[in-house]
């Protein structure tokens, strides 16, 4: 019975995973550091080739920004 519970839990995790091929990374940084990190991503993975974007962001206490960057795994 333990195996069945594990398979159900694994299936639920898989359902919550994004179903696209984008690479995502989430950061939580001070506002200026967050801006610099986003600039680094855009410099390393140009938007035209990788479809790079800030997928989501929110402001937290203490002037910290939590944000998720998204890009394609390659420029093909």
PDB file of N, CA and C in Angstrom:
ATOM      1  N   UNK A   1       0.821  -1.206   0.000  1.00  0.00           N
ATOM      2  CA  UNK A   1       0.000   0.000   0.000  1.00  0.00           C
ATOM      3  C   UNK A   1       0.854   1.254   0.000  1.00  0.00           C
ATOM      4  N   UNK A   2       2.054   1.201   0.595  1.00  0.00           N
ATOM      5  CA  UNK A   2       2.952   2.351   0.603  1.00  0.00           C
ATOM      6  C   UNK A   2       3.337   2.776  -0.803  1.00  0.00           C
ATOM      7  N   UNK A   3       3.498   1.810  -1.719  1.00  0.00           N
ATOM      8  CA  UNK A   3       3.852   2.117  -3.097  1.00  0.00           C
ATOM      9  C   UNK A   3       2.765   2.903  -3.804  1.00  0.00           C
ATOM     10  N   UNK A   4       1.520   2.546  -3.532  1.00  0.00           N
ATOM     11  CA  UNK A   4       0.394   3.249  -4.144  1.00  0.00           C
ATOM     12  C   UNK A   4       0.358   4.701  -3.676  1.00  0.00           C
ATOM     13  N   UNK A   5       0.555   4.943  -2.391  1.00  0.00           N
ATOM     14  CA  UNK A   5       0.555   6.310  -1.861  1.00  0.00           C
ATOM     15  C   UNK A   5       1.667   7.131  -2.503  1.00  0.00           C
ATOM     16  N   UNK A   6       2.809   6.510  -2.668  1.00  0.00           N
ATOM     17  CA  UNK A   6       3.947   7.206  -3.262  1.00  0.00           C
ATOM     18  C   UNK A   6       3.652   7.564  -4.718  1.00  0.00           C
ATOM     19  N   UNK A   7       3.062   6.649  -5.476  1.00  0.00           N
ATOM     20  CA  UNK A   7       2.740   6.917  -6.879  1.00  0.00           C
ATOM     21  C   UNK A   7       1.702   8.031  -7.003  1.00  0.00           C
ATOM     22  N   UNK A   8       0.736   8.047  -6.116  1.00  0.00           N
ATOM     23  CA  UNK A   8      -0.278   9.110  -6.127  1.00  0.00           C
ATOM     24  C   UNK A   8       0.367  10.457  -5.828  1.00  0.00           C
ATOM     25  N   UNK A   9       1.244  10.486  -4.810  1.00  0.00           N
ATOM     26  CA  UNK A   9       1.938  11.733  -4.460  1.00  0.00           C
ATOM     27  C   UNK A   9       2.806  12.210  -5.618  1.00  0.00           C
ATOM     28  N   UNK A  10       3.507  11.293  -6.270  1.00  0.00           N
ATOM     29  CA  UNK A  10       4.347  11.661  -7.414  1.00  0.00           C
ATOM     30  C   UNK A  10       3.505  12.200  -8.565  1.00  0.00           C
ATOM     31  N   UNK A  11       2.355  11.613  -8.802  1.00  0.00           N
ATOM     32  CA  UNK A  11       1.468  12.071  -9.873  1.00  0.00           C
ATOM     33  C   UNK A  11       0.954  13.477  -9.572  1.00  0.00           C
ATOM     34  N   UNK A  12       0.641  13.762  -8.325  1.00  0.00           N
ATOM     35  CA  UNK A  12       0.166  15.096  -7.952  1.00  0.00           C
ATOM     36  C   UNK A  12       1.266  16.133  -8.152  1.00  0.00           C
ATOM     37  N   UNK A  13       2.501  15.789  -7.798  1.00  0.00           N
ATOM     38  CA  UNK A  13       3.618  16.707  -8.018  1.00  0.00           C
ATOM     39  C   UNK A  13       3.790  16.984  -9.503  1.00  0.00           C
ATOM     40  N   UNK A  14       3.686  15.964 -10.319  1.00  0.00           N
ATOM     41  CA  UNK A  14       3.852  16.123 -11.766  1.00  0.00           C
ATOM     42  C   UNK A  14       2.762  17.020 -12.339  1.00  0.00           C
ATOM     43  N   UNK A  15       1.554  16.952 -11.797  1.00  0.00           N
ATOM     44  CA  UNK A  15       0.460  17.796 -12.278  1.00  0.00           C
ATOM     45  C   UNK A  15       0.722  19.269 -12.007  1.00  0.00           C
ATOM     46  N   UNK A  16       1.467  19.586 -10.951  1.00  0.00           N
ATOM     47  CA  UNK A  16       1.736  20.973 -10.595  1.00  0.00           C
ATOM     48  C   UNK A  16       2.940  21.536 -11.332  1.00  0.00           C
ATOM     49  N   UNK A  17       3.735  20.697 -11.938  1.00  0.00           N
ATOM     50  CA  UNK A  17       4.917  21.150 -12.670  1.00  0.00           C
ATOM     51  C   UNK A  17       4.496  21.825 -13.977  1.00  0.00           C
ATOM     52  N   UNK A  18       5.233  22.863 -14.371  1.00  0.00           N
ATOM     53  CA  UNK A  18       4.918  23.499 -15.657  1.00  0.00           C
ATOM     54  C   UNK A  18       5.025  22.485 -16.795  1.00  0.00           C
ATOM     55  N   UNK A  19       4.145  22.593 -17.768  1.00  0.00           N
ATOM     56  CA  UNK A  19       4.115  21.641 -18.876  1.00  0.00           C
ATOM     57  C   UNK A  19       4.693  22.261 -20.150  1.00  0.00           C
ATOM     58  N   UNK A  20       5.688  23.091 -19.982  1.00  0.00           N
ATOM     59  CA  UNK A  20       6.349  23.667 -21.144  1.00  0.00           C
ATOM     60  C   UNK A  20       7.851  23.433 -21.014  1.00  0.00           C
ATOM     61  N   UNK A  21       8.599  23.897 -21.962  1.00  0.00           N
ATOM     62  CA  UNK A  21      10.033  23.612 -21.965  1.00  0.00           C
ATOM     63  C   UNK A  21      10.866  24.760 -21.401  1.00  0.00           C
ATOM     64  N   UNK A  22      10.241  25.757 -20.804  1.00  0.00           N
ATOM     65  CA  UNK A  22      10.985  26.893 -20.264  1.00  0.00           C
ATOM     66  C   UNK A  22      11.791  26.508 -19.033  1.00  0.00           C
ATOM     67  N   UNK A  23      12.942  27.158 -18.895  1.00  0.00           N
ATOM     68  CA  UNK A  23      13.769  27.040 -17.694  1.00  0.00           C
ATOM     69  C   UNK A  23      13.378  28.205 -16.801  1.00  0.00           C
ATOM     70  N   UNK A  24      13.116  27.928 -15.544  1.00  0.00           N
ATOM     71  CA  UNK A  24      12.709  28.972 -14.603  1.00  0.00           C
ATOM     72  C   UNK A  24      13.647  28.974 -13.402  1.00  0.00           C
ATOM     73  N   UNK A  25      13.883  30.175 -12.878  1.00  0.00           N
ATOM     74  CA  UNK A  25      14.641  30.298 -11.642  1.00  0.00           C
ATOM     75  C   UNK A  25      14.036  31.435 -10.844  1.00  0.00           C
ATOM     76  N   UNK A  26      13.820  31.183  -9.553  1.00  0.00           N
ATOM     77  CA  UNK A  26      13.211  32.174  -8.677  1.00  0.00           C
ATOM     78  C   UNK A  26      14.278  32.745  -7.747  1.00  0.00           C
ATOM     79  N   UNK A  27      14.225  34.046  -7.556  1.00  0.00           N
ATOM     80  CA  UNK A  27      15.174  34.758  -6.711  1.00  0.00           C
ATOM     81  C   UNK A  27      14.412  35.585  -5.686  1.00  0.00           C
ATOM     82  N   UNK A  28      15.059  35.892  -4.573  1.00  0.00           N
ATOM     83  CA  UNK A  28      14.529  36.819  -3.578  1.00  0.00           C
ATOM     84  C   UNK A  28      15.695  37.706  -3.161  1.00  0.00           C
ATOM     85  N   UNK A  29      15.691  38.948  -3.673  1.00  0.00           N
ATOM     86  CA  UNK A  29      16.835  39.839  -3.509  1.00  0.00           C
ATOM     87  C   UNK A  29      16.371  41.246  -3.147  1.00  0.00           C
ATOM     88  N   UNK A  30      17.313  42.040  -2.632  1.00  0.00           N
ATOM     89  CA  UNK A  30      17.044  43.463  -2.425  1.00  0.00           C
ATOM     90  C   UNK A  30      16.731  44.076  -3.783  1.00  0.00           C
ATOM     91  N   UNK A  31      15.976  45.151  -3.803  1.00  0.00           N
ATOM     92  CA  UNK A  31      15.481  45.749  -5.048  1.00  0.00           C
ATOM     93  C   UNK A  31      16.595  45.980  -6.081  1.00  0.00           C
ATOM     94  N   UNK A  32      17.678  46.633  -5.712  1.00  0.00           N
ATOM     95  CA  UNK A  32      18.753  46.916  -6.673  1.00  0.00           C
ATOM     96  C   UNK A  32      19.439  45.641  -7.138  1.00  0.00           C
ATOM     97  N   UNK A  33      19.628  44.677  -6.226  1.00  0.00           N
ATOM     98  CA  UNK A  33      20.220  43.394  -6.603  1.00  0.00           C
ATOM     99  C   UNK A  33      19.293  42.630  -7.556  1.00  0.00           C
ATOM    100  N   UNK A  34      17.996  42.747  -7.335  1.00  0.00           N
ATOM    101  CA  UNK A  34      17.014  42.096  -8.221  1.00  0.00           C
ATOM    102  C   UNK A  34      17.094  42.684  -9.625  1.00  0.00           C
ATOM    103  N   UNK A  35      17.203  43.992  -9.719  1.00  0.00           N
ATOM    104  CA  UNK A  35      17.332  44.628 -11.031  1.00  0.00           C
ATOM    105  C   UNK A  35      18.598  44.155 -11.739  1.00  0.00           C
ATOM    106  N   UNK A  36      19.691  44.083 -10.993  1.00  0.00           N
ATOM    107  CA  UNK A  36      20.962  43.646 -11.576  1.00  0.00           C
ATOM    108  C   UNK A  36      20.884  42.189 -12.040  1.00  0.00           C
ATOM    109  N   UNK A  37      20.249  41.331 -11.252  1.00  0.00           N
ATOM    110  CA  UNK A  37      20.113  39.921 -11.639  1.00  0.00           C
ATOM    111  C   UNK A  37      19.277  39.787 -12.907  1.00  0.00           C
ATOM    112  N   UNK A  38      18.202  40.538 -13.013  1.00  0.00           N
ATOM    113  CA  UNK A  38      17.377  40.497 -14.231  1.00  0.00           C
ATOM    114  C   UNK A  38      18.192  40.978 -15.433  1.00  0.00           C
ATOM    115  N   UNK A  39      18.977  42.047 -15.251  1.00  0.00           N
ATOM    116  CA  UNK A  39      19.833  42.532 -16.347  1.00  0.00           C
ATOM    117  C   UNK A  39      20.832  41.460 -16.771  1.00  0.00           C
ATOM    118  N   UNK A  40      21.405  40.740 -15.795  1.00  0.00           N
ATOM    119  CA  UNK A  40      22.346  39.659 -16.106  1.00  0.00           C
ATOM    120  C   UNK A  40      21.679  38.591 -16.978  1.00  0.00           C
ATOM    121  N   UNK A  41      20.461  38.210 -16.604  1.00  0.00           N
ATOM    122  CA  UNK A  41      19.736  37.196 -17.384  1.00  0.00           C
ATOM    123  C   UNK A  41      19.504  37.677 -18.812  1.00  0.00           C
ATOM    124  N   UNK A  42      19.074  38.926 -18.960  1.00  0.00           N
ATOM    125  CA  UNK A  42      18.813  39.446 -20.303  1.00  0.00           C
ATOM    126  C   UNK A  42      20.095  39.574 -21.116  1.00  0.00           C
ATOM    127  N   UNK A  43      21.220  39.856 -20.460  1.00  0.00           N
ATOM    128  CA  UNK A  43      22.503  39.940 -21.169  1.00  0.00           C
ATOM    129  C   UNK A  43      22.991  38.549 -21.573  1.00  0.00           C
ATOM    130  N   UNK A  44      22.834  37.585 -20.687  1.00  0.00           N
ATOM    131  CA  UNK A  44      23.296  36.218 -20.945  1.00  0.00           C
ATOM    132  C   UNK A  44      22.376  35.483 -21.906  1.00  0.00           C
ATOM    133  N   UNK A  45      21.070  35.687 -21.745  1.00  0.00           N
ATOM    134  CA  UNK A  45      20.061  35.011 -22.567  1.00  0.00           C
ATOM    135  C   UNK A  45      19.196  36.073 -23.252  1.00  0.00           C
ATOM    136  N   UNK A  46      19.645  36.613 -24.385  1.00  0.00           N
ATOM    137  CA  UNK A  46      18.896  37.693 -25.046  1.00  0.00           C
ATOM    138  C   UNK A  46      17.444  37.305 -25.332  1.00  0.00           C
ATOM    139  N   UNK A  47      16.569  38.264 -25.109  1.00  0.00           N
ATOM    140  CA  UNK A  47      15.131  38.026 -25.246  1.00  0.00           C
ATOM    141  C   UNK A  47      14.751  37.503 -26.628  1.00  0.00           C
ATOM    142  N   UNK A  48      15.373  38.034 -27.664  1.00  0.00           N
ATOM    143  CA  UNK A  48      15.026  37.632 -29.028  1.00  0.00           C
ATOM    144  C   UNK A  48      15.333  36.163 -29.300  1.00  0.00           C
ATOM    145  N   UNK A  49      16.386  35.635 -28.692  1.00  0.00           N
ATOM    146  CA  UNK A  49      16.791  34.248 -28.944  1.00  0.00           C
ATOM    147  C   UNK A  49      16.191  33.257 -27.951  1.00  0.00           C
ATOM    148  N   UNK A  50      16.054  33.670 -26.691  1.00  0.00           N
ATOM    149  CA  UNK A  50      15.630  32.744 -25.626  1.00  0.00           C
ATOM    150  C   UNK A  50      14.228  33.026 -25.087  1.00  0.00           C
ATOM    151  N   UNK A  51      13.567  34.056 -25.571  1.00  0.00           N
ATOM    152  CA  UNK A  51      12.258  34.484 -25.053  1.00  0.00           C
ATOM    153  C   UNK A  51      12.326  34.775 -23.559  1.00  0.00           C
ATOM    154  N   UNK A  52      13.428  35.326 -23.131  1.00  0.00           N
ATOM    155  CA  UNK A  52      13.653  35.622 -21.716  1.00  0.00           C
ATOM    156  C   UNK A  52      12.654  36.662 -21.230  1.00  0.00           C
ATOM    157  N   UNK A  53      12.128  36.444 -20.024  1.00  0.00           N
ATOM    158  CA  UNK A  53      11.224  37.423 -19.427  1.00  0.00           C
ATOM    159  C   UNK A  53      11.154  37.236 -17.928  1.00  0.00           C
ATOM    160  N   UNK A  54      10.723  38.301 -17.249  1.00  0.00           N
ATOM    161  CA  UNK A  54      10.381  38.199 -15.835  1.00  0.00           C
ATOM    162  C   UNK A  54       8.964  37.643 -15.821  1.00  0.00           C
ATOM    163  N   UNK A  55       8.840  36.405 -15.394  1.00  0.00           N
ATOM    164  CA  UNK A  55       7.535  35.741 -15.452  1.00  0.00           C
ATOM    165  C   UNK A  55       6.584  36.262 -14.384  1.00  0.00           C
ATOM    166  N   UNK A  56       7.106  36.481 -13.177  1.00  0.00           N
ATOM    167  CA  UNK A  56       6.281  37.011 -12.096  1.00  0.00           C
ATOM    168  C   UNK A  56       7.188  37.694 -11.078  1.00  0.00           C
ATOM    169  N   UNK A  57       6.602  38.612 -10.322  1.00  0.00           N
ATOM    170  CA  UNK A  57       7.367  39.260  -9.261  1.00  0.00           C
ATOM    171  C   UNK A  57       6.409  39.799  -8.217  1.00  0.00           C
ATOM    172  N   UNK A  58       6.954  39.988  -7.007  1.00  0.00           N
ATOM    173  CA  UNK A  58       6.171  40.620  -5.942  1.00  0.00           C
ATOM    174  C   UNK A  58       7.126  41.283  -4.964  1.00  0.00           C
ATOM    175  N   UNK A  59       6.655  42.360  -4.368  1.00  0.00           N
ATOM    176  CA  UNK A  59       7.457  43.095  -3.396  1.00  0.00           C
ATOM    177  C   UNK A  59       7.188  42.532  -2.011  1.00  0.00           C
ATOM    178  N   UNK A  60       8.260  42.269  -1.262  1.00  0.00           N
ATOM    179  CA  UNK A  60       8.162  41.753   0.095  1.00  0.00           C
ATOM    180  C   UNK A  60       8.583  42.843   1.074  1.00  0.00           C
ATOM    181  N   UNK A  61       8.433  42.554   2.351  1.00  0.00           N
ATOM    182  CA  UNK A  61       8.867  43.506   3.377  1.00  0.00           C
ATOM    183  C   UNK A  61      10.362  43.755   3.263  1.00  0.00           C
ATOM    184  N   UNK A  62      10.775  44.922   3.694  1.00  0.00           N
ATOM    185  CA  UNK A  62      12.192  45.238   3.691  1.00  0.00           C
ATOM    186  C   UNK A  62      12.734  45.557   2.307  1.00  0.00           C
ATOM    187  N   UNK A  63      11.859  45.994   1.394  1.00  0.00           N
ATOM    188  CA  UNK A  63      12.259  46.370   0.032  1.00  0.00           C
ATOM    189  C   UNK A  63      12.947  45.222  -0.700  1.00  0.00           C
ATOM    190  N   UNK A  64      12.469  44.011  -0.465  1.00  0.00           N
ATOM    191  CA  UNK A  64      12.974  42.828  -1.162  1.00  0.00           C
ATOM    192  C   UNK A  64      11.984  42.453  -2.258  1.00  0.00           C
ATOM    193  N   UNK A  65      12.514  41.903  -3.329  1.00  0.00           N
ATOM    194  CA  UNK A  65      11.702  41.508  -4.474  1.00  0.00           C
ATOM    195  C   UNK A  65      11.883  40.009  -4.694  1.00  0.00           C
ATOM    196  N   UNK A  66      10.770  39.298  -4.783  1.00  0.00           N
ATOM    197  CA  UNK A  66      10.802  37.887  -5.163  1.00  0.00           C
ATOM    198  C   UNK A  66      10.329  37.833  -6.613  1.00  0.00           C
ATOM    199  N   UNK A  67      11.131  37.215  -7.478  1.00  0.00           N
ATOM    200  CA  UNK A  67      10.764  37.186  -8.893  1.00  0.00           C
ATOM    201  C   UNK A  67      11.250  35.897  -9.540  1.00  0.00           C
ATOM    202  N   UNK A  68      10.565  35.525 -10.594  1.00  0.00           N
ATOM    203  CA  UNK A  68      10.907  34.332 -11.357  1.00  0.00           C
ATOM    204  C   UNK A  68      11.264  34.745 -12.772  1.00  0.00           C
ATOM    205  N   UNK A  69      12.462  34.334 -13.188  1.00  0.00           N
ATOM    206  CA  UNK A  69      12.918  34.545 -14.557  1.00  0.00           C
ATOM    207  C   UNK A  69      12.616  33.292 -15.357  1.00  0.00           C
ATOM    208  N   UNK A  70      12.274  33.490 -16.623  1.00  0.00           N
ATOM    209  CA  UNK A  70      11.931  32.370 -17.494  1.00  0.00           C
ATOM    210  C   UNK A  70      12.648  32.540 -18.831  1.00  0.00           C
ATOM    211  N   UNK A  71      13.152  31.430 -19.374  1.00  0.00           N
ATOM    212  CA  UNK A  71      13.808  31.448 -20.682  1.00  0.00           C
ATOM    213  C   UNK A  71      13.721  30.082 -21.311  1.00  0.00           C
ATOM    214  N   UNK A  72      13.949  30.020 -22.616  1.00  0.00           N
ATOM    215  CA  UNK A  72      14.058  28.735 -23.300  1.00  0.00           C
ATOM    216  C   UNK A  72      15.412  28.105 -22.969  1.00  0.00           C
ATOM    217  N   UNK A  73      15.516  26.792 -22.987  1.00  0.00           N
ATOM    218  CA  UNK A  73      16.785  26.140 -22.634  1.00  0.00           C
ATOM    219  C   UNK A  73      17.901  26.385 -23.648  1.00  0.00           C
ATOM    220  N   UNK A  74      17.547  26.690 -24.893  1.00  0.00           N
ATOM    221  CA  UNK A  74      18.566  26.980 -25.905  1.00  0.00           C
ATOM    222  C   UNK A  74      18.001  27.967 -26.910  1.00  0.00           C
ATOM    223  N   UNK A  75      18.890  28.523 -27.727  1.00  0.00           N
ATOM    224  CA  UNK A  75      18.469  29.535 -28.699  1.00  0.00           C
ATOM    225  C   UNK A  75      18.156  28.919 -30.057  1.00  0.00           C
ATOM    226  N   UNK A  76      17.935  27.648 -30.110  1.00  0.00           N
ATOM    227  CA  UNK A  76      17.661  26.958 -31.395  1.00  0.00           C
ATOM    228  C   UNK A  76      16.395  27.447 -32.024  1.00  0.00           C
TER     229      UNK A  76
END
